[in-house]
PDB file of N, CA and C in Angstrom:
ATOM      1  N   UNK A   1     104.438  21.465  97.911  1.00  0.00           N
ATOM      2  CA  UNK A   1     105.196  22.208  98.836  1.00  0.00           C
ATOM      3  C   UNK A   1     104.927  24.091  97.603  1.00  0.00           C
ATOM      4  N   UNK A   2     103.974  23.510  97.070  1.00  0.00           N
ATOM      5  CA  UNK A   2     103.942  25.544  96.327  1.00  0.00           C
ATOM      6  C   UNK A   2     103.328  25.538  97.765  1.00  0.00           C
ATOM      7  N   UNK A   3     102.463  25.161  98.267  1.00  0.00           N
ATOM      8  CA  UNK A   3     101.549  25.496 100.190  1.00  0.00           C
ATOM      9  C   UNK A   3     102.791  26.482  99.965  1.00  0.00           C
ATOM     10  N   UNK A   4     103.986  25.708 101.096  1.00  0.00           N
ATOM     11  CA  UNK A   4     104.540  26.063 101.760  1.00  0.00           C
ATOM     12  C   UNK A   4     105.725  26.850 101.140  1.00  0.00           C
ATOM     13  N   UNK A   5     105.507  27.849 100.268  1.00  0.00           N
ATOM     14  CA  UNK A   5     106.565  27.995  99.327  1.00  0.00           C
ATOM     15  C   UNK A   5     106.012  30.058  99.919  1.00  0.00           C
ATOM     16  N   UNK A   6     104.742  30.343 100.035  1.00  0.00           N
ATOM     17  CA  UNK A   6     103.955  31.131 100.438  1.00  0.00           C
ATOM     18  C   UNK A   6     104.776  31.731 101.747  1.00  0.00           C
ATOM     19  N   UNK A   7     105.204  30.604 102.115  1.00  0.00           N
ATOM     20  CA  UNK A   7     105.323  31.276 103.810  1.00  0.00           C
ATOM     21  C   UNK A   7     107.149  31.324 103.928  1.00  0.00           C
ATOM     22  N   UNK A   8     107.808  30.799 103.663  1.00  0.00           N
ATOM     23  CA  UNK A   8     108.704  31.404 102.867  1.00  0.00           C
ATOM     24  C   UNK A   8     109.570  32.870 103.003  1.00  0.00           C
ATOM     25  N   UNK A   9     110.466  32.943 104.284  1.00  0.00           N
ATOM     26  CA  UNK A   9     110.356  34.375 104.485  1.00  0.00           C
ATOM     27  C   UNK A   9     111.488  35.191 102.600  1.00  0.00           C
ATOM     28  N   UNK A  10     110.761  36.004 102.614  1.00  0.00           N
ATOM     29  CA  UNK A  10     110.992  37.004 100.850  1.00  0.00           C
ATOM     30  C   UNK A  10     112.707  36.770 100.704  1.00  0.00           C
ATOM     31  N   UNK A  11     113.261  37.169 100.117  1.00  0.00           N
ATOM     32  CA  UNK A  11     114.094  36.972 100.017  1.00  0.00           C
ATOM     33  C   UNK A  11     115.022  38.318  99.283  1.00  0.00           C
ATOM     34  N   UNK A  12     116.030  38.768  99.146  1.00  0.00           N
ATOM     35  CA  UNK A  12     116.095  39.540  98.956  1.00  0.00           C
ATOM     36  C   UNK A  12     116.706  39.737  97.389  1.00  0.00           C
ATOM     37  N   UNK A  13     117.362  38.879  97.309  1.00  0.00           N
ATOM     38  CA  UNK A  13     118.146  38.095  96.449  1.00  0.00           C
ATOM     39  C   UNK A  13     117.836  37.433  95.333  1.00  0.00           C
ATOM     40  N   UNK A  14     117.238  36.751  95.673  1.00  0.00           N
ATOM     41  CA  UNK A  14     115.826  35.319  94.360  1.00  0.00           C
ATOM     42  C   UNK A  14     114.027  36.142  94.277  1.00  0.00           C
ATOM     43  N   UNK A  15     114.085  36.491  93.581  1.00  0.00           N
ATOM     44  CA  UNK A  15     111.994  36.914  93.588  1.00  0.00           C
ATOM     45  C   UNK A  15     111.521  35.424  93.295  1.00  0.00           C
ATOM     46  N   UNK A  16     110.739  35.185  94.202  1.00  0.00           N
ATOM     47  CA  UNK A  16     109.730  34.230  94.272  1.00  0.00           C
ATOM     48  C   UNK A  16     108.757  34.960  93.925  1.00  0.00           C
ATOM     49  N   UNK A  17     107.961  34.354  93.680  1.00  0.00           N
ATOM     50  CA  UNK A  17     106.676  34.865  92.676  1.00  0.00           C
ATOM     51  C   UNK A  17     105.859  33.852  94.062  1.00  0.00           C
ATOM     52  N   UNK A  18     105.959  32.772  94.482  1.00  0.00           N
ATOM     53  CA  UNK A  18     104.853  32.110  95.537  1.00  0.00           C
ATOM     54  C   UNK A  18     104.822  32.821  96.548  1.00  0.00           C
ATOM     55  N   UNK A  19     106.382  34.015  97.438  1.00  0.00           N
ATOM     56  CA  UNK A  19     106.374  33.690  98.461  1.00  0.00           C
ATOM     57  C   UNK A  19     106.382  35.302  98.488  1.00  0.00           C
ATOM     58  N   UNK A  20     106.362  36.276  97.545  1.00  0.00           N
ATOM     59  CA  UNK A  20     105.390  37.720  97.062  1.00  0.00           C
ATOM     60  C   UNK A  20     104.537  38.174  98.700  1.00  0.00           C
ATOM     61  N   UNK A  21     104.705  39.015  99.207  1.00  0.00           N
ATOM     62  CA  UNK A  21     103.761  39.635  99.728  1.00  0.00           C
ATOM     63  C   UNK A  21     102.203  39.376  99.525  1.00  0.00           C
ATOM     64  N   UNK A  22     101.817  40.515  97.947  1.00  0.00           N
ATOM     65  CA  UNK A  22     101.551  40.367  97.041  1.00  0.00           C
ATOM     66  C   UNK A  22     100.022  38.627  97.596  1.00  0.00           C
ATOM     67  N   UNK A  23     101.327  37.335  97.319  1.00  0.00           N
ATOM     68  CA  UNK A  23     100.731  35.625  96.953  1.00  0.00           C
ATOM     69  C   UNK A  23     100.042  36.570  98.696  1.00  0.00           C
ATOM     70  N   UNK A  24     101.202  36.597  99.327  1.00  0.00           N
ATOM     71  CA  UNK A  24     100.784  36.088 100.623  1.00  0.00           C
ATOM     72  C   UNK A  24      99.186  36.559 101.702  1.00  0.00           C
ATOM     73  N   UNK A  25      99.121  38.204 100.647  1.00  0.00           N
ATOM     74  CA  UNK A  25      98.159  38.484 101.184  1.00  0.00           C
ATOM     75  C   UNK A  25      97.226  37.566 100.401  1.00  0.00           C
ATOM     76  N   UNK A  26      97.207  37.445  99.316  1.00  0.00           N
ATOM     77  CA  UNK A  26      95.621  36.905  98.610  1.00  0.00           C
ATOM     78  C   UNK A  26      95.968  35.399  99.313  1.00  0.00           C
ATOM     79  N   UNK A  27      96.670  34.698  99.132  1.00  0.00           N
ATOM     80  CA  UNK A  27      96.553  33.734 100.211  1.00  0.00           C
ATOM     81  C   UNK A  27      95.252  33.273 101.797  1.00  0.00           C
ATOM     82  N   UNK A  28      95.965  34.489 102.108  1.00  0.00           N
ATOM     83  CA  UNK A  28      95.290  34.535 103.546  1.00  0.00           C
ATOM     84  C   UNK A  28      93.750  35.470 102.944  1.00  0.00           C
ATOM     85  N   UNK A  29      93.425  35.912 102.118  1.00  0.00           N
ATOM     86  CA  UNK A  29      92.399  36.622 101.826  1.00  0.00           C
ATOM     87  C   UNK A  29      91.306  34.827 101.641  1.00  0.00           C
ATOM     88  N   UNK A  30      91.977  34.220 100.990  1.00  0.00           N
ATOM     89  CA  UNK A  30      91.244  32.736 100.253  1.00  0.00           C
ATOM     90  C   UNK A  30      90.875  31.626 101.114  1.00  0.00           C
ATOM     91  N   UNK A  31      91.342  32.582 102.356  1.00  0.00           N
ATOM     92  CA  UNK A  31      91.066  31.533 103.264  1.00  0.00           C
ATOM     93  C   UNK A  31      89.339  32.123 104.182  1.00  0.00           C
ATOM     94  N   UNK A  32      89.437  33.037 103.966  1.00  0.00           N
ATOM     95  CA  UNK A  32      88.121  33.783 104.628  1.00  0.00           C
ATOM     96  C   UNK A  32      86.755  34.285 103.109  1.00  0.00           C
ATOM     97  N   UNK A  33      87.320  33.513 102.048  1.00  0.00           N
ATOM     98  CA  UNK A  33      86.586  33.676 100.758  1.00  0.00           C
ATOM     99  C   UNK A  33      86.036  32.527 100.322  1.00  0.00           C
ATOM    100  N   UNK A  34      85.267  32.299 101.246  1.00  0.00           N
ATOM    101  CA  UNK A  34      85.233  30.663 101.170  1.00  0.00           C
ATOM    102  C   UNK A  34      84.361  29.861 100.156  1.00  0.00           C
ATOM    103  N   UNK A  35      83.346  30.770  99.495  1.00  0.00           N
ATOM    104  CA  UNK A  35      82.287  30.428  98.146  1.00  0.00           C
ATOM    105  C   UNK A  35      83.153  30.990  96.321  1.00  0.00           C
ATOM    106  N   UNK A  36      84.378  32.076  97.088  1.00  0.00           N
ATOM    107  CA  UNK A  36      85.267  32.061  96.233  1.00  0.00           C
ATOM    108  C   UNK A  36      85.071  33.462  94.874  1.00  0.00           C
ATOM    109  N   UNK A  37      84.520  33.880  95.604  1.00  0.00           N
ATOM    110  CA  UNK A  37      83.990  35.394  94.649  1.00  0.00           C
ATOM    111  C   UNK A  37      85.159  36.104  94.840  1.00  0.00           C
ATOM    112  N   UNK A  38      85.535  36.316  95.382  1.00  0.00           N
ATOM    113  CA  UNK A  38      86.599  37.596  95.534  1.00  0.00           C
ATOM    114  C   UNK A  38      86.085  38.718  96.254  1.00  0.00           C
ATOM    115  N   UNK A  39      85.203  37.966  97.535  1.00  0.00           N
ATOM    116  CA  UNK A  39      84.413  39.091  98.574  1.00  0.00           C
ATOM    117  C   UNK A  39      84.285  38.010  99.965  1.00  0.00           C
ATOM    118  N   UNK A  40      84.902  38.717 101.004  1.00  0.00           N
ATOM    119  CA  UNK A  40      84.651  38.247 101.851  1.00  0.00           C
ATOM    120  C   UNK A  40      83.136  38.623 102.586  1.00  0.00           C
ATOM    121  N   UNK A  41      81.475  37.512 102.315  1.00  0.00           N
ATOM    122  CA  UNK A  41      80.958  38.261 103.406  1.00  0.00           C
ATOM    123  C   UNK A  41      80.798  38.099 104.471  1.00  0.00           C
ATOM    124  N   UNK A  42      79.514  38.498 105.655  1.00  0.00           N
ATOM    125  CA  UNK A  42      79.653  38.668 106.792  1.00  0.00           C
ATOM    126  C   UNK A  42      79.397  36.881 107.480  1.00  0.00           C
ATOM    127  N   UNK A  43      78.869  36.157 106.609  1.00  0.00           N
ATOM    128  CA  UNK A  43      78.294  34.345 107.003  1.00  0.00           C
ATOM    129  C   UNK A  43      80.396  34.169 106.581  1.00  0.00           C
ATOM    130  N   UNK A  44      80.526  34.587 105.404  1.00  0.00           N
ATOM    131  CA  UNK A  44      82.366  33.773 104.917  1.00  0.00           C
ATOM    132  C   UNK A  44      82.931  34.284 106.635  1.00  0.00           C
ATOM    133  N   UNK A  45      82.799  35.727 107.297  1.00  0.00           N
ATOM    134  CA  UNK A  45      83.784  36.073 108.151  1.00  0.00           C
ATOM    135  C   UNK A  45      83.266  34.575 109.087  1.00  0.00           C
ATOM    136  N   UNK A  46      81.663  34.817 109.059  1.00  0.00           N
ATOM    137  CA  UNK A  46      81.389  34.559 111.305  1.00  0.00           C
ATOM    138  C   UNK A  46      81.798  32.615 111.070  1.00  0.00           C
ATOM    139  N   UNK A  47      81.596  31.933 109.265  1.00  0.00           N
ATOM    140  CA  UNK A  47      82.143  30.389 109.212  1.00  0.00           C
ATOM    141  C   UNK A  47      83.950  30.528 109.940  1.00  0.00           C
ATOM    142  N   UNK A  48      84.388  31.664 108.953  1.00  0.00           N
ATOM    143  CA  UNK A  48      85.403  31.909 109.524  1.00  0.00           C
ATOM    144  C   UNK A  48      85.733  31.702 111.834  1.00  0.00           C
ATOM    145  N   UNK A  49      85.683  32.873 111.256  1.00  0.00           N
ATOM    146  CA  UNK A  49      85.449  33.110 113.489  1.00  0.00           C
ATOM    147  C   UNK A  49      85.433  31.892 113.921  1.00  0.00           C
ATOM    148  N   UNK A  50      84.125  31.441 113.807  1.00  0.00           N
ATOM    149  CA  UNK A  50      83.904  29.907 114.427  1.00  0.00           C
ATOM    150  C   UNK A  50      84.654  28.732 114.048  1.00  0.00           C
ATOM    151  N   UNK A  51      85.318  28.706 113.114  1.00  0.00           N
ATOM    152  CA  UNK A  51      86.362  27.334 112.740  1.00  0.00           C
ATOM    153  C   UNK A  51      88.007  28.189 114.197  1.00  0.00           C
ATOM    154  N   UNK A  52      87.904  29.201 114.231  1.00  0.00           N
ATOM    155  CA  UNK A  52      89.051  29.844 114.604  1.00  0.00           C
ATOM    156  C   UNK A  52      88.457  29.644 116.294  1.00  0.00           C
ATOM    157  N   UNK A  53      88.118  29.907 117.187  1.00  0.00           N
ATOM    158  CA  UNK A  53      87.629  30.572 118.605  1.00  0.00           C
ATOM    159  C   UNK A  53      86.751  29.180 119.040  1.00  0.00           C
ATOM    160  N   UNK A  54      85.749  28.370 117.639  1.00  0.00           N
ATOM    161  CA  UNK A  54      85.083  27.164 118.875  1.00  0.00           C
ATOM    162  C   UNK A  54      83.763  27.689 119.465  1.00  0.00           C
ATOM    163  N   UNK A  55      83.240  27.464 120.669  1.00  0.00           N
ATOM    164  CA  UNK A  55      83.338  27.484 121.555  1.00  0.00           C
ATOM    165  C   UNK A  55      83.524  28.830 122.453  1.00  0.00           C
ATOM    166  N   UNK A  56      85.071  28.834 122.154  1.00  0.00           N
ATOM    167  CA  UNK A  56      85.099  29.552 123.393  1.00  0.00           C
ATOM    168  C   UNK A  56      84.015  31.167 123.578  1.00  0.00           C
ATOM    169  N   UNK A  57      83.909  31.785 122.984  1.00  0.00           N
ATOM    170  CA  UNK A  57      83.425  32.875 122.535  1.00  0.00           C
ATOM    171  C   UNK A  57      81.521  33.023 122.173  1.00  0.00           C
ATOM    172  N   UNK A  58      81.053  33.543 122.275  1.00  0.00           N
ATOM    173  CA  UNK A  58      79.115  33.510 122.082  1.00  0.00           C
ATOM    174  C   UNK A  58      79.174  34.186 121.147  1.00  0.00           C
ATOM    175  N   UNK A  59      77.878  33.117 119.723  1.00  0.00           N
ATOM    176  CA  UNK A  59      77.983  33.804 118.401  1.00  0.00           C
ATOM    177  C   UNK A  59      77.474  34.824 118.636  1.00  0.00           C
ATOM    178  N   UNK A  60      77.201  35.681 119.602  1.00  0.00           N
ATOM    179  CA  UNK A  60      77.030  36.927 119.503  1.00  0.00           C
ATOM    180  C   UNK A  60      77.877  38.321 119.243  1.00  0.00           C
ATOM    181  N   UNK A  61      79.036  37.654 120.241  1.00  0.00           N
ATOM    182  CA  UNK A  61      80.302  38.091 120.340  1.00  0.00           C
ATOM    183  C   UNK A  61      81.020  37.854 118.938  1.00  0.00           C
ATOM    184  N   UNK A  62      80.351  36.776 118.606  1.00  0.00           N
ATOM    185  CA  UNK A  62      81.893  36.613 117.300  1.00  0.00           C
ATOM    186  C   UNK A  62      80.375  37.495 115.972  1.00  0.00           C
ATOM    187  N   UNK A  63      78.988  37.797 116.434  1.00  0.00           N
ATOM    188  CA  UNK A  63      78.297  38.281 114.952  1.00  0.00           C
ATOM    189  C   UNK A  63      78.605  39.567 115.460  1.00  0.00           C
ATOM    190  N   UNK A  64      78.908  40.571 116.512  1.00  0.00           N
ATOM    191  CA  UNK A  64      79.576  41.370 116.462  1.00  0.00           C
ATOM    192  C   UNK A  64      80.984  42.070 116.578  1.00  0.00           C
ATOM    193  N   UNK A  65      82.068  40.547 116.638  1.00  0.00           N
ATOM    194  CA  UNK A  65      83.307  41.412 115.799  1.00  0.00           C
ATOM    195  C   UNK A  65      83.408  41.025 114.117  1.00  0.00           C
ATOM    196  N   UNK A  66      82.516  39.855 113.477  1.00  0.00           N
ATOM    197  CA  UNK A  66      82.279  40.039 111.985  1.00  0.00           C
ATOM    198  C   UNK A  66      81.090  41.295 111.499  1.00  0.00           C
ATOM    199  N   UNK A  67      80.579  41.999 112.697  1.00  0.00           N
ATOM    200  CA  UNK A  67      79.675  43.380 112.020  1.00  0.00           C
ATOM    201  C   UNK A  67      81.493  43.877 111.821  1.00  0.00           C
ATOM    202  N   UNK A  68      82.022  44.361 113.041  1.00  0.00           N
ATOM    203  CA  UNK A  68      82.661  45.637 113.141  1.00  0.00           C
ATOM    204  C   UNK A  68      83.897  45.514 112.347  1.00  0.00           C
ATOM    205  N   UNK A  69      84.096  44.129 112.034  1.00  0.00           N
ATOM    206  CA  UNK A  69      85.614  44.216 111.444  1.00  0.00           C
ATOM    207  C   UNK A  69      85.089  44.753 110.010  1.00  0.00           C
ATOM    208  N   UNK A  70      83.661  44.275 109.253  1.00  0.00           N
ATOM    209  CA  UNK A  70      82.890  44.846 107.441  1.00  0.00           C
ATOM    210  C   UNK A  70      83.179  46.069 107.747  1.00  0.00           C
ATOM    211  N   UNK A  71      82.214  46.140 109.400  1.00  0.00           N
ATOM    212  CA  UNK A  71      81.606  47.903 108.932  1.00  0.00           C
ATOM    213  C   UNK A  71      83.685  49.182 108.483  1.00  0.00           C
ATOM    214  N   UNK A  72      84.068  48.436 108.748  1.00  0.00           N
ATOM    215  CA  UNK A  72      85.825  49.032 109.554  1.00  0.00           C
ATOM    216  C   UNK A  72      86.488  48.841 108.396  1.00  0.00           C
ATOM    217  N   UNK A  73      86.312  47.545 107.784  1.00  0.00           N
ATOM    218  CA  UNK A  73      86.758  47.128 106.609  1.00  0.00           C
ATOM    219  C   UNK A  73      86.065  47.487 105.013  1.00  0.00           C
ATOM    220  N   UNK A  74      84.891  47.576 105.208  1.00  0.00           N
ATOM    221  CA  UNK A  74      84.249  47.638 103.433  1.00  0.00           C
ATOM    222  C   UNK A  74      83.803  49.880 103.872  1.00  0.00           C
ATOM    223  N   UNK A  75      85.085  50.255 102.331  1.00  0.00           N
ATOM    224  CA  UNK A  75      84.700  51.100 102.807  1.00  0.00           C
ATOM    225  C   UNK A  75      83.720  51.665 100.156  1.00  0.00           C
ATOM    226  N   UNK A  76      83.552  50.305 100.323  1.00  0.00           N
ATOM    227  CA  UNK A  76      82.534  51.030  99.124  1.00  0.00           C
ATOM    228  C   UNK A  76      81.009  50.430  99.100  1.00  0.00           C
ATOM    229  N   UNK A  77      81.351  50.512 101.009  1.00  0.00           N
ATOM    230  CA  UNK A  77      79.183  50.508 101.229  1.00  0.00           C
ATOM    231  C   UNK A  77      78.472  49.034 100.894  1.00  0.00           C
ATOM    232  N   UNK A  78      79.388  47.803 100.092  1.00  0.00           N
ATOM    233  CA  UNK A  78      78.771  46.960  99.548  1.00  0.00           C
ATOM    234  C   UNK A  78      77.999  45.520 100.708  1.00  0.00           C
ATOM    235  N   UNK A  79      78.619  46.310 101.898  1.00  0.00           N
ATOM    236  CA  UNK A  79      78.359  45.131 103.608  1.00  0.00           C
ATOM    237  C   UNK A  79      79.699  43.630 103.116  1.00  0.00           C
ATOM    238  N   UNK A  80      80.468  44.288 101.761  1.00  0.00           N
ATOM    239  CA  UNK A  80      81.310  43.059 102.060  1.00  0.00           C
ATOM    240  C   UNK A  80      82.969  43.463 101.598  1.00  0.00           C
ATOM    241  N   UNK A  81      84.263  42.424 101.832  1.00  0.00           N
ATOM    242  CA  UNK A  81      85.461  42.980 101.860  1.00  0.00           C
ATOM    243  C   UNK A  81      85.830  41.948 100.529  1.00  0.00           C
ATOM    244  N   UNK A  82      86.075  43.019  99.763  1.00  0.00           N
ATOM    245  CA  UNK A  82      87.098  42.875  98.467  1.00  0.00           C
ATOM    246  C   UNK A  82      88.625  42.817  99.170  1.00  0.00           C
ATOM    247  N   UNK A  83      89.485  42.139  98.265  1.00  0.00           N
ATOM    248  CA  UNK A  83      90.969  41.731  98.026  1.00  0.00           C
ATOM    249  C   UNK A  83      91.103  43.691  98.304  1.00  0.00           C
ATOM    250  N   UNK A  84      91.120  44.241  98.082  1.00  0.00           N
ATOM    251  CA  UNK A  84      91.435  45.565  97.785  1.00  0.00           C
ATOM    252  C   UNK A  84      91.345  46.853  99.626  1.00  0.00           C
ATOM    253  N   UNK A  85      90.303  46.237  99.773  1.00  0.00           N
ATOM    254  CA  UNK A  85      89.989  46.198 101.196  1.00  0.00           C
ATOM    255  C   UNK A  85      90.034  45.878 102.749  1.00  0.00           C
ATOM    256  N   UNK A  86      90.912  44.763 101.480  1.00  0.00           N
ATOM    257  CA  UNK A  86      91.026  43.383 103.234  1.00  0.00           C
ATOM    258  C   UNK A  86      92.846  44.250 102.661  1.00  0.00           C
ATOM    259  N   UNK A  87      93.561  44.089 101.817  1.00  0.00           N
ATOM    260  CA  UNK A  87      95.170  44.710 102.070  1.00  0.00           C
ATOM    261  C   UNK A  87      94.743  46.149 102.522  1.00  0.00           C
ATOM    262  N   UNK A  88      94.422  47.083 102.437  1.00  0.00           N
ATOM    263  CA  UNK A  88      94.207  47.725 103.517  1.00  0.00           C
ATOM    264  C   UNK A  88      94.152  48.228 105.054  1.00  0.00           C
ATOM    265  N   UNK A  89      93.220  47.125 105.025  1.00  0.00           N
ATOM    266  CA  UNK A  89      93.522  46.886 106.488  1.00  0.00           C
ATOM    267  C   UNK A  89      94.077  46.175 107.451  1.00  0.00           C
ATOM    268  N   UNK A  90      95.266  44.973 106.360  1.00  0.00           N
ATOM    269  CA  UNK A  90      96.248  44.558 107.130  1.00  0.00           C
ATOM    270  C   UNK A  90      97.504  45.566 106.111  1.00  0.00           C
ATOM    271  N   UNK A  91      97.625  46.811 105.755  1.00  0.00           N
ATOM    272  CA  UNK A  91      98.723  47.352 104.956  1.00  0.00           C
ATOM    273  C   UNK A  91      99.992  47.569 106.296  1.00  0.00           C
ATOM    274  N   UNK A  92      99.265  47.873 107.263  1.00  0.00           N
ATOM    275  CA  UNK A  92     100.656  48.261 108.243  1.00  0.00           C
ATOM    276  C   UNK A  92     101.156  46.900 108.839  1.00  0.00           C
ATOM    277  N   UNK A  93     101.201  45.896 108.849  1.00  0.00           N
ATOM    278  CA  UNK A  93     101.309  44.191 109.616  1.00  0.00           C
ATOM    279  C   UNK A  93     102.638  44.239 108.894  1.00  0.00           C
ATOM    280  N   UNK A  94     103.220  43.558 109.679  1.00  0.00           N
ATOM    281  CA  UNK A  94     104.429  43.575 109.132  1.00  0.00           C
ATOM    282  C   UNK A  94     103.811  42.076 108.328  1.00  0.00           C
ATOM    283  N   UNK A  95     102.777  41.734 107.208  1.00  0.00           N
ATOM    284  CA  UNK A  95     102.953  40.788 106.143  1.00  0.00           C
ATOM    285  C   UNK A  95     104.194  39.486 105.902  1.00  0.00           C
ATOM    286  N   UNK A  96     105.672  40.919 105.792  1.00  0.00           N
ATOM    287  CA  UNK A  96     105.993  38.890 105.545  1.00  0.00           C
ATOM    288  C   UNK A  96     106.818  38.339 106.439  1.00  0.00           C
ATOM    289  N   UNK A  97     106.467  39.378 107.736  1.00  0.00           N
ATOM    290  CA  UNK A  97     107.075  37.979 109.143  1.00  0.00           C
ATOM    291  C   UNK A  97     106.210  37.599 109.561  1.00  0.00           C
ATOM    292  N   UNK A  98     104.223  37.823 109.858  1.00  0.00           N
ATOM    293  CA  UNK A  98     103.469  37.535 110.303  1.00  0.00           C
ATOM    294  C   UNK A  98     103.091  36.174 109.405  1.00  0.00           C
ATOM    295  N   UNK A  99     103.361  36.208 107.845  1.00  0.00           N
ATOM    296  CA  UNK A  99     103.271  35.172 106.809  1.00  0.00           C
ATOM    297  C   UNK A  99     104.476  34.390 106.564  1.00  0.00           C
ATOM    298  N   UNK A 100     105.163  33.817 107.406  1.00  0.00           N
ATOM    299  CA  UNK A 100     106.457  32.856 107.636  1.00  0.00           C
ATOM    300  C   UNK A 100     106.789  32.148 108.311  1.00  0.00           C
ATOM    301  N   UNK A 101     107.150  31.120 108.107  1.00  0.00           N
ATOM    302  CA  UNK A 101     108.070  30.249 108.173  1.00  0.00           C
ATOM    303  C   UNK A 101     108.979  29.648 108.411  1.00  0.00           C
ATOM    304  N   UNK A 102     109.907  30.224 109.233  1.00  0.00           N
ATOM    305  CA  UNK A 102     111.122  29.230 109.185  1.00  0.00           C
ATOM    306  C   UNK A 102     111.417  28.052 108.721  1.00  0.00           C
ATOM    307  N   UNK A 103     112.683  27.818 107.429  1.00  0.00           N
ATOM    308  CA  UNK A 103     112.586  26.239 107.334  1.00  0.00           C
ATOM    309  C   UNK A 103     113.877  26.312 107.485  1.00  0.00           C
ATOM    310  N   UNK A 104     114.168  24.689 108.019  1.00  0.00           N
ATOM    311  CA  UNK A 104     115.594  24.897 108.086  1.00  0.00           C
ATOM    312  C   UNK A 104     115.829  24.474 106.842  1.00  0.00           C
ATOM    313  N   UNK A 105     117.283  24.295 106.777  1.00  0.00           N
ATOM    314  CA  UNK A 105     117.458  23.828 105.373  1.00  0.00           C
ATOM    315  C   UNK A 105     118.957  22.917 105.253  1.00  0.00           C
TER     316      UNK A 105
END
């Protein structure tokens, strides 16, 4: 239930640490941070992209997507994406709506 709680929409009345915007972002970041070192490197990004698209996109295309993603998100020049850099990339998205599931109650 703790995992599902992260996907509940934010409540304006009741504060719930599990489904705060920060926790939703961290949950999404951890999906890419496969080795749990608090950074997303190229091989982790490629592995997740492969899981997402399978064989629908060529390896060369996926490599291009991974390289562009890292070059656009990486602001400190270490060729990896930190949690802070990840947050900056997705700050324009409506995280609450995109990472929420309406449950029947």
